[in-house]
Amino acid sequence: MPAEPAVNAPLLQPLIQTRILTLRGQRVMLDADLAELYDVQTKVLVQAVKRNLERFPGDFMFQLSTEEFSALRSQTVTSNSGRGGRRTAPYAFTEQGVAMLSSVLSSERAVAVNIEIMRTFVRIRELAVTHQDLAMRLAELEKKTELVAMQQETFSSNTRNQLRQVFDALRELMTPLEPAKRPIGFVAPKTRKPS
């Protein structure tokens, strides 16, 4: 029996990351992508799974609906069924389903690739948590900035009002007093009282 080809983990990681999709709110990998990574035909992988269906409950594996398959086909370049391509909707495997595949496909390559796939799922989960943490911190910072801006705006508005009052008072002081106007008509002079 020929030796299994060695798995080059550093080269697999980026490839695996591009093959993980989000369908039905879960991170999954499609049967054809897994078959390519395991270096087996897709039909061989699917047959092995069908022989062991009890190991793949609904939260481990599901088959795409016609609509999901059509949407996936339009998003990616896949062959049409009329040209010798796939005629049935692919199976999607969750992280647990991928882990179970290593027990169904017992080759050394399948086990080695599965280890890298599990590491990739963990890394993606860690990145998602980090992004959630960053998003939460950004939201907090945004709220604080809005609060500071509102406080600054209130301070600025109060300061503008106070400055306006100061300027109005200064204008009043700068305006020369008009001399007292003489009344029209006869005005009796004020008589002085003897001291």
Protein backbone atom coordinates (compact mmCIF):
# COMPACT_ATOMS: atom_id res chain seq x y z
CA MET A 1 0.00 0.00 0.00
CA PRO A 2 1.50 3.39 -1.00
CA ALA A 3 2.22 5.92 1.73
CA GLU A 4 -0.31 8.71 2.23
CA PRO A 5 0.87 12.10 1.02
CA ALA A 6 1.98 14.36 3.83
CA VAL A 7 -0.35 17.18 4.82
CA ASN A 8 1.21 20.65 4.63
CA ALA A 9 -0.63 22.42 7.46
CA PRO A 10 0.54 25.99 6.69
CA LEU A 11 -0.76 25.70 3.13
CA LEU A 12 -4.04 24.11 4.21
CA GLN A 13 -5.08 26.78 6.73
CA PRO A 14 -5.89 29.58 4.24
CA LEU A 15 -7.59 27.11 1.90
CA ILE A 16 -9.76 25.73 4.70
CA GLN A 17 -10.74 29.23 5.83
CA THR A 18 -12.03 30.06 2.35
CA ARG A 19 -14.12 26.88 2.31
CA ILE A 20 -15.99 27.53 5.56
CA LEU A 21 -19.40 29.03 4.77
CA THR A 22 -22.26 30.28 6.89
CA LEU A 23 -25.54 28.54 6.06
CA ARG A 24 -28.65 28.44 8.23
CA GLY A 25 -26.79 30.45 10.83
CA GLN A 26 -24.03 27.84 11.20
CA ARG A 27 -20.47 27.57 9.98
CA VAL A 28 -20.29 24.63 7.62
CA MET A 29 -18.18 23.01 4.95
CA LEU A 30 -19.60 21.43 1.80
CA ASP A 31 -19.06 17.80 0.87
CA ALA A 32 -17.21 18.63 -2.37
CA ASP A 33 -14.75 20.92 -0.55
CA LEU A 34 -14.14 18.31 2.13
CA ALA A 35 -13.66 15.60 -0.50
CA GLU A 36 -11.06 17.76 -2.23
CA LEU A 37 -9.21 18.33 1.04
CA TYR A 38 -9.36 14.62 1.92
CA ASP A 39 -8.24 13.78 -1.62
CA VAL A 40 -11.24 11.52 -2.34
CA GLN A 41 -14.10 11.79 -4.79
CA THR A 42 -17.23 13.54 -3.53
CA LYS A 43 -19.37 10.49 -4.24
CA VAL A 44 -17.01 8.33 -2.13
CA LEU A 45 -17.35 10.74 0.80
CA VAL A 46 -21.17 10.89 0.45
CA GLN A 47 -21.42 7.09 0.21
CA ALA A 48 -19.33 6.68 3.37
CA VAL A 49 -21.62 9.13 5.17
CA LYS A 50 -24.78 7.41 3.92
CA ARG A 51 -23.44 4.05 5.17
CA ASN A 52 -23.05 5.67 8.62
CA LEU A 53 -26.08 8.00 8.79
CA GLU A 54 -26.60 7.28 12.50
CA ARG A 55 -23.35 9.19 13.15
CA PHE A 56 -24.61 12.32 11.38
CA PRO A 57 -27.71 13.79 13.06
CA GLY A 58 -29.24 17.04 11.78
CA ASP A 59 -26.93 19.24 13.83
CA PHE A 60 -23.88 17.49 12.30
CA MET A 61 -24.96 17.46 8.65
CA PHE A 62 -27.80 18.62 6.43
CA GLN A 63 -28.50 18.65 2.71
CA LEU A 64 -28.97 22.04 1.11
CA SER A 65 -32.44 22.92 -0.13
CA THR A 66 -33.01 23.59 -3.82
CA GLU A 67 -33.12 27.34 -3.11
CA GLU A 68 -29.89 27.26 -1.09
CA PHE A 69 -28.19 25.20 -3.80
CA SER A 70 -29.35 27.64 -6.51
CA ALA A 71 -28.18 30.63 -4.49
CA LEU A 72 -24.84 28.95 -3.84
CA ARG A 73 -24.48 28.12 -7.51
CA SER A 74 -25.13 31.72 -8.51
CA GLN A 75 -22.61 33.04 -5.96
CA THR A 76 -19.83 30.67 -6.95
CA VAL A 77 -18.69 29.24 -10.21
CA THR A 78 -20.07 25.71 -10.22
CA SER A 79 -20.94 23.57 -13.15
CA ASN A 80 -24.50 23.29 -14.36
CA SER A 81 -26.29 19.98 -14.05
CA GLY A 82 -26.78 19.85 -17.84
CA ARG A 83 -23.02 19.80 -18.46
CA GLY A 84 -22.04 16.79 -16.39
CA GLY A 85 -21.94 18.70 -13.12
CA ARG A 86 -23.60 17.91 -9.85
CA ARG A 87 -27.25 16.91 -10.05
CA THR A 88 -28.07 16.73 -6.35
CA ALA A 89 -27.78 19.37 -3.67
CA PRO A 90 -24.58 19.14 -1.62
CA TYR A 91 -24.37 18.13 1.99
CA ALA A 92 -23.16 20.69 4.51
CA PHE A 93 -21.19 19.53 7.55
CA THR A 94 -21.02 21.50 10.78
CA GLU A 95 -17.88 21.48 12.90
CA GLN A 96 -19.14 18.38 14.75
CA GLY A 97 -19.99 16.70 11.46
CA VAL A 98 -16.51 17.35 10.12
CA ALA A 99 -15.05 15.86 13.30
CA MET A 100 -17.22 12.76 12.80
CA LEU A 101 -15.98 12.41 9.20
CA SER A 102 -12.53 11.40 10.43
CA SER A 103 -14.05 8.27 12.00
CA VAL A 104 -15.90 7.42 8.77
CA LEU A 105 -12.95 8.13 6.47
CA SER A 106 -10.22 6.31 8.28
CA SER A 107 -7.27 7.27 6.11
CA GLU A 108 -4.26 8.97 7.66
CA ARG A 109 -4.79 11.96 5.36
CA ALA A 110 -8.41 12.33 6.52
CA VAL A 111 -7.29 12.37 10.15
CA ALA A 112 -4.48 14.88 9.48
CA VAL A 113 -6.72 17.17 7.42
CA ASN A 114 -9.45 16.92 10.06
CA ILE A 115 -7.03 18.15 12.71
CA GLU A 116 -6.28 21.23 10.58
CA ILE A 117 -9.97 21.81 9.90
CA MET A 118 -10.73 21.68 13.65
CA ARG A 119 -7.91 24.15 14.31
CA THR A 120 -9.33 26.46 11.65
CA PHE A 121 -12.85 26.30 13.13
CA VAL A 122 -11.40 27.17 16.55
CA ARG A 123 -9.38 30.06 15.08
CA ILE A 124 -12.46 31.45 13.32
CA ARG A 125 -14.46 31.20 16.55
CA GLU A 126 -11.70 33.06 18.43
CA LEU A 127 -11.63 35.77 15.75
CA ALA A 128 -15.41 36.13 15.96
CA VAL A 129 -15.18 36.63 19.73
CA THR A 130 -12.38 39.16 19.27
CA HIS A 131 -14.45 41.05 16.69
CA GLN A 132 -17.46 41.04 19.01
CA ASP A 133 -15.29 42.42 21.81
CA LEU A 134 -13.92 45.12 19.50
CA ALA A 135 -17.43 45.98 18.28
CA MET A 136 -18.62 46.29 21.88
CA ARG A 137 -15.68 48.53 22.80
CA LEU A 138 -16.24 50.65 19.70
CA ALA A 139 -19.92 51.10 20.64
CA GLU A 140 -18.91 52.17 24.16
CA LEU A 141 -16.39 54.63 22.77
CA GLU A 142 -19.00 56.01 20.38
CA LYS A 143 -21.47 56.55 23.26
CA LYS A 144 -18.81 58.30 25.34
CA THR A 145 -17.87 60.51 22.39
CA GLU A 146 -21.51 61.47 21.86
CA LEU A 147 -21.86 62.27 25.56
CA VAL A 148 -18.73 64.43 25.51
CA ALA A 149 -19.95 66.16 22.35
CA MET A 150 -23.32 66.86 23.98
CA GLN A 151 -21.62 68.20 27.10
CA GLN A 152 -19.32 70.30 24.94
CA GLU A 153 -22.29 71.57 22.96
CA THR A 154 -24.15 72.49 26.16
CA PHE A 155 -21.03 74.20 27.54
CA SER A 156 -20.50 75.96 24.24
CA SER A 157 -24.12 77.09 24.10
CA ASN A 158 -23.97 78.41 27.69
CA THR A 159 -20.66 80.13 26.98
CA ARG A 160 -22.06 81.74 23.81
CA ASN A 161 -25.07 83.05 25.77
CA GLN A 162 -22.84 84.46 28.51
CA LEU A 163 -20.52 86.09 25.98
CA ARG A 164 -23.51 87.60 24.16
CA GLN A 165 -24.66 89.14 27.46
CA VAL A 166 -21.15 90.52 28.11
CA PHE A 167 -20.97 92.02 24.60
CA ASP A 168 -24.44 93.56 24.95
CA ALA A 169 -23.42 95.11 28.28
CA LEU A 170 -20.19 96.44 26.75
CA ARG A 171 -22.10 97.97 23.84
CA GLU A 172 -24.41 99.71 26.27
CA LEU A 173 -21.42 101.11 28.15
CA MET A 174 -19.79 102.24 24.90
CA THR A 175 -22.87 104.01 23.64
CA PRO A 176 -22.58 107.68 24.56
CA LEU A 177 -25.32 109.01 26.72
CA GLU A 178 -27.51 111.45 24.91
CA PRO A 179 -27.52 114.88 26.56
CA ALA A 180 -30.68 115.67 28.41
CA LYS A 181 -33.04 117.39 26.08
CA ARG A 182 -34.52 120.69 27.03
CA PRO A 183 -38.20 120.50 27.49
CA ILE A 184 -40.34 122.47 25.16
CA GLY A 185 -41.96 125.55 26.61
CA PHE A 186 -41.27 127.68 29.66
CA VAL A 187 -39.50 126.04 32.51
CA ALA A 188 -39.26 127.96 35.76
CA PRO A 189 -35.75 128.20 37.04
CA LYS A 190 -35.15 126.39 40.26
CA THR A 191 -34.79 128.72 43.07
CA ARG A 192 -32.14 128.22 45.59
CA LYS A 193 -32.94 128.15 49.18
CA PRO A 194 -30.81 130.36 51.34
CA SER A 195 -28.43 128.38 53.39
